[in-house]
Amino acid sequence: MNKRFLFYVCVAAFVALAGNRAYGAIACKVYSCNVGYFASEYSCPRCPALQRADGGMQYGITASAGLSDITACYVPAGVKYKDAVGEFEFVSNCNYSR
């Protein structure tokens, strides 16, 4: 779902329910995000990234849209990554954890 669309829905819901602020805030919660993003309470943050061995960044991805936890994000296997110790590669997709 487009972040701009979510923002407009939230603003419209809040304005319509301005008499009851607690209910207006509940109506603004995000329930669905695009692939590669996960739903937190009020936004769709992008999955975290790891540095690839070629110097670029590999952002985590999700299996589908609409996932609501960072643990749904993963970095794919078969990509060479790099950190302070050296280069490495995951033999299977590696999910994020809390």
C-alpha atoms as a PDB file:
ATOM      1  CA  MET A   1       0.000   0.000   0.000  1.00  0.00           C
ATOM      2  CA  ASN A   2       1.283   3.460  -0.813  1.00  0.00           C
ATOM      3  CA  LYS A   3       2.488   5.407   2.254  1.00  0.00           C
ATOM      4  CA  ARG A   4       0.901   8.598   0.930  1.00  0.00           C
ATOM      5  CA  PHE A   5      -2.475   6.829   0.690  1.00  0.00           C
ATOM      6  CA  LEU A   6      -2.125   5.544   4.255  1.00  0.00           C
ATOM      7  CA  PHE A   7      -1.344   9.048   5.480  1.00  0.00           C
ATOM      8  CA  TYR A   8      -4.455  10.497   3.832  1.00  0.00           C
ATOM      9  CA  VAL A   9      -6.645   7.742   5.249  1.00  0.00           C
ATOM     10  CA  CYS A  10      -5.211   8.429   8.694  1.00  0.00           C
ATOM     11  CA  VAL A  11      -5.747  12.185   8.455  1.00  0.00           C
ATOM     12  CA  ALA A  12      -9.294  11.711   7.162  1.00  0.00           C
ATOM     13  CA  ALA A  13     -10.103   9.271   9.972  1.00  0.00           C
ATOM     14  CA  PHE A  14      -8.612  11.536  12.619  1.00  0.00           C
ATOM     15  CA  VAL A  15     -10.465  14.619  11.362  1.00  0.00           C
ATOM     16  CA  ALA A  16     -13.738  12.701  11.154  1.00  0.00           C
ATOM     17  CA  LEU A  17     -13.286  11.392  14.696  1.00  0.00           C
ATOM     18  CA  ALA A  18     -11.766  14.516  16.253  1.00  0.00           C
ATOM     19  CA  GLY A  19     -14.400  14.495  18.986  1.00  0.00           C
ATOM     20  CA  ASN A  20     -12.970  11.236  20.320  1.00  0.00           C
ATOM     21  CA  ARG A  21      -9.160  11.449  20.030  1.00  0.00           C
ATOM     22  CA  ALA A  22      -8.483   7.966  21.427  1.00  0.00           C
ATOM     23  CA  TYR A  23     -10.702   6.355  18.804  1.00  0.00           C
ATOM     24  CA  GLY A  24      -9.217   8.582  16.090  1.00  0.00           C
ATOM     25  CA  ALA A  25      -5.706   7.409  16.971  1.00  0.00           C
ATOM     26  CA  ILE A  26      -6.767   3.742  16.841  1.00  0.00           C
ATOM     27  CA  ALA A  27      -8.283   4.284  13.390  1.00  0.00           C
ATOM     28  CA  CYS A  28      -4.891   5.500  12.124  1.00  0.00           C
ATOM     29  CA  LYS A  29      -2.926   2.312  12.802  1.00  0.00           C
ATOM     30  CA  VAL A  30      -1.229   0.748   9.785  1.00  0.00           C
ATOM     31  CA  TYR A  31      -2.314  -2.787   8.935  1.00  0.00           C
ATOM     32  CA  SER A  32      -0.687  -3.487   5.573  1.00  0.00           C
ATOM     33  CA  CYS A  33       2.608  -2.550   3.911  1.00  0.00           C
ATOM     34  CA  ASN A  34       4.303  -3.310   0.594  1.00  0.00           C
ATOM     35  CA  VAL A  35       6.802  -6.113   0.021  1.00  0.00           C
ATOM     36  CA  GLY A  36      10.109  -5.206   1.698  1.00  0.00           C
ATOM     37  CA  TYR A  37       8.375  -3.213   4.440  1.00  0.00           C
ATOM     38  CA  PHE A  38       6.692  -4.292   7.661  1.00  0.00           C
ATOM     39  CA  ALA A  39       3.873  -2.658   9.590  1.00  0.00           C
ATOM     40  CA  SER A  40       4.744  -1.039  12.861  1.00  0.00           C
ATOM     41  CA  GLU A  41       2.066   0.734  14.815  1.00  0.00           C
ATOM     42  CA  TYR A  42       1.849   3.927  12.732  1.00  0.00           C
ATOM     43  CA  SER A  43       4.168   3.455   9.747  1.00  0.00           C
ATOM     44  CA  CYS A  44       5.747   1.081   7.257  1.00  0.00           C
ATOM     45  CA  PRO A  45       9.501   0.983   7.937  1.00  0.00           C
ATOM     46  CA  ARG A  46      11.723  -0.614   5.328  1.00  0.00           C
ATOM     47  CA  CYS A  47      13.356  -3.906   6.229  1.00  0.00           C
ATOM     48  CA  PRO A  48      16.922  -3.385   7.507  1.00  0.00           C
ATOM     49  CA  ALA A  49      19.910  -3.796   5.189  1.00  0.00           C
ATOM     50  CA  LEU A  50      23.313  -5.490   5.203  1.00  0.00           C
ATOM     51  CA  GLN A  51      26.348  -4.331   3.279  1.00  0.00           C
ATOM     52  CA  ARG A  52      27.135  -6.487   0.258  1.00  0.00           C
ATOM     53  CA  ALA A  53      30.729  -7.433  -0.550  1.00  0.00           C
ATOM     54  CA  ASP A  54      30.536  -5.262  -3.696  1.00  0.00           C
ATOM     55  CA  GLY A  55      29.922  -2.180  -1.509  1.00  0.00           C
ATOM     56  CA  GLY A  56      26.188  -1.885  -2.155  1.00  0.00           C
ATOM     57  CA  MET A  57      23.398  -2.465   0.324  1.00  0.00           C
ATOM     58  CA  GLN A  58      21.064  -5.458   0.348  1.00  0.00           C
ATOM     59  CA  TYR A  59      17.760  -4.523   1.936  1.00  0.00           C
ATOM     60  CA  GLY A  60      15.764  -7.238   3.592  1.00  0.00           C
ATOM     61  CA  ILE A  61      12.697  -8.446   1.754  1.00  0.00           C
ATOM     62  CA  THR A  62       9.436 -10.079   2.765  1.00  0.00           C
ATOM     63  CA  ALA A  63       7.685 -13.039   1.174  1.00  0.00           C
ATOM     64  CA  SER A  64       4.563 -10.960   0.542  1.00  0.00           C
ATOM     65  CA  ALA A  65       2.904  -7.650   1.333  1.00  0.00           C
ATOM     66  CA  GLY A  66       0.938  -7.098   4.511  1.00  0.00           C
ATOM     67  CA  LEU A  67       3.383  -8.549   7.043  1.00  0.00           C
ATOM     68  CA  SER A  68       3.472  -6.940  10.454  1.00  0.00           C
ATOM     69  CA  ASP A  69       6.725  -7.830  12.159  1.00  0.00           C
ATOM     70  CA  ILE A  70      10.421  -7.274  11.489  1.00  0.00           C
ATOM     71  CA  THR A  71      10.909 -11.038  11.807  1.00  0.00           C
ATOM     72  CA  ALA A  72       9.136 -11.381   8.423  1.00  0.00           C
ATOM     73  CA  CYS A  73      12.108  -9.577   6.831  1.00  0.00           C
ATOM     74  CA  TYR A  74      15.016 -11.618   5.536  1.00  0.00           C
ATOM     75  CA  VAL A  75      18.208 -11.182   3.541  1.00  0.00           C
ATOM     76  CA  PRO A  76      18.529 -13.680   0.697  1.00  0.00           C
ATOM     77  CA  ALA A  77      20.974 -16.558   0.505  1.00  0.00           C
ATOM     78  CA  GLY A  78      23.549 -16.629  -2.258  1.00  0.00           C
ATOM     79  CA  VAL A  79      24.650 -13.004  -1.855  1.00  0.00           C
ATOM     80  CA  LYS A  80      28.138 -12.179  -0.593  1.00  0.00           C
ATOM     81  CA  TYR A  81      28.031  -9.831   2.393  1.00  0.00           C
ATOM     82  CA  LYS A  82      30.782  -7.938   4.180  1.00  0.00           C
ATOM     83  CA  ASP A  83      31.337  -6.780   7.755  1.00  0.00           C
ATOM     84  CA  ALA A  84      34.305  -5.778   9.950  1.00  0.00           C
ATOM     85  CA  VAL A  85      35.516  -9.403  10.142  1.00  0.00           C
ATOM     86  CA  GLY A  86      35.361 -10.172   6.421  1.00  0.00           C
ATOM     87  CA  GLU A  87      33.081 -11.544   3.694  1.00  0.00           C
ATOM     88  CA  PHE A  88      30.400 -14.150   4.264  1.00  0.00           C
ATOM     89  CA  GLU A  89      27.423 -15.737   2.542  1.00  0.00           C
ATOM     90  CA  PHE A  90      24.264 -17.266   4.008  1.00  0.00           C
ATOM     91  CA  VAL A  91      23.407 -20.782   2.802  1.00  0.00           C
ATOM     92  CA  SER A  92      19.686 -20.118   3.310  1.00  0.00           C
ATOM     93  CA  ASN A  93      17.530 -17.002   3.661  1.00  0.00           C
ATOM     94  CA  CYS A  94      18.297 -15.324   6.985  1.00  0.00           C
ATOM     95  CA  ASN A  95      15.345 -13.822   8.877  1.00  0.00           C
ATOM     96  CA  TYR A  96      15.723 -10.916  11.236  1.00  0.00           C
ATOM     97  CA  SER A  97      14.983 -11.489  14.902  1.00  0.00           C
ATOM     98  CA  ARG A  98      14.220  -9.285  17.858  1.00  0.00           C
END
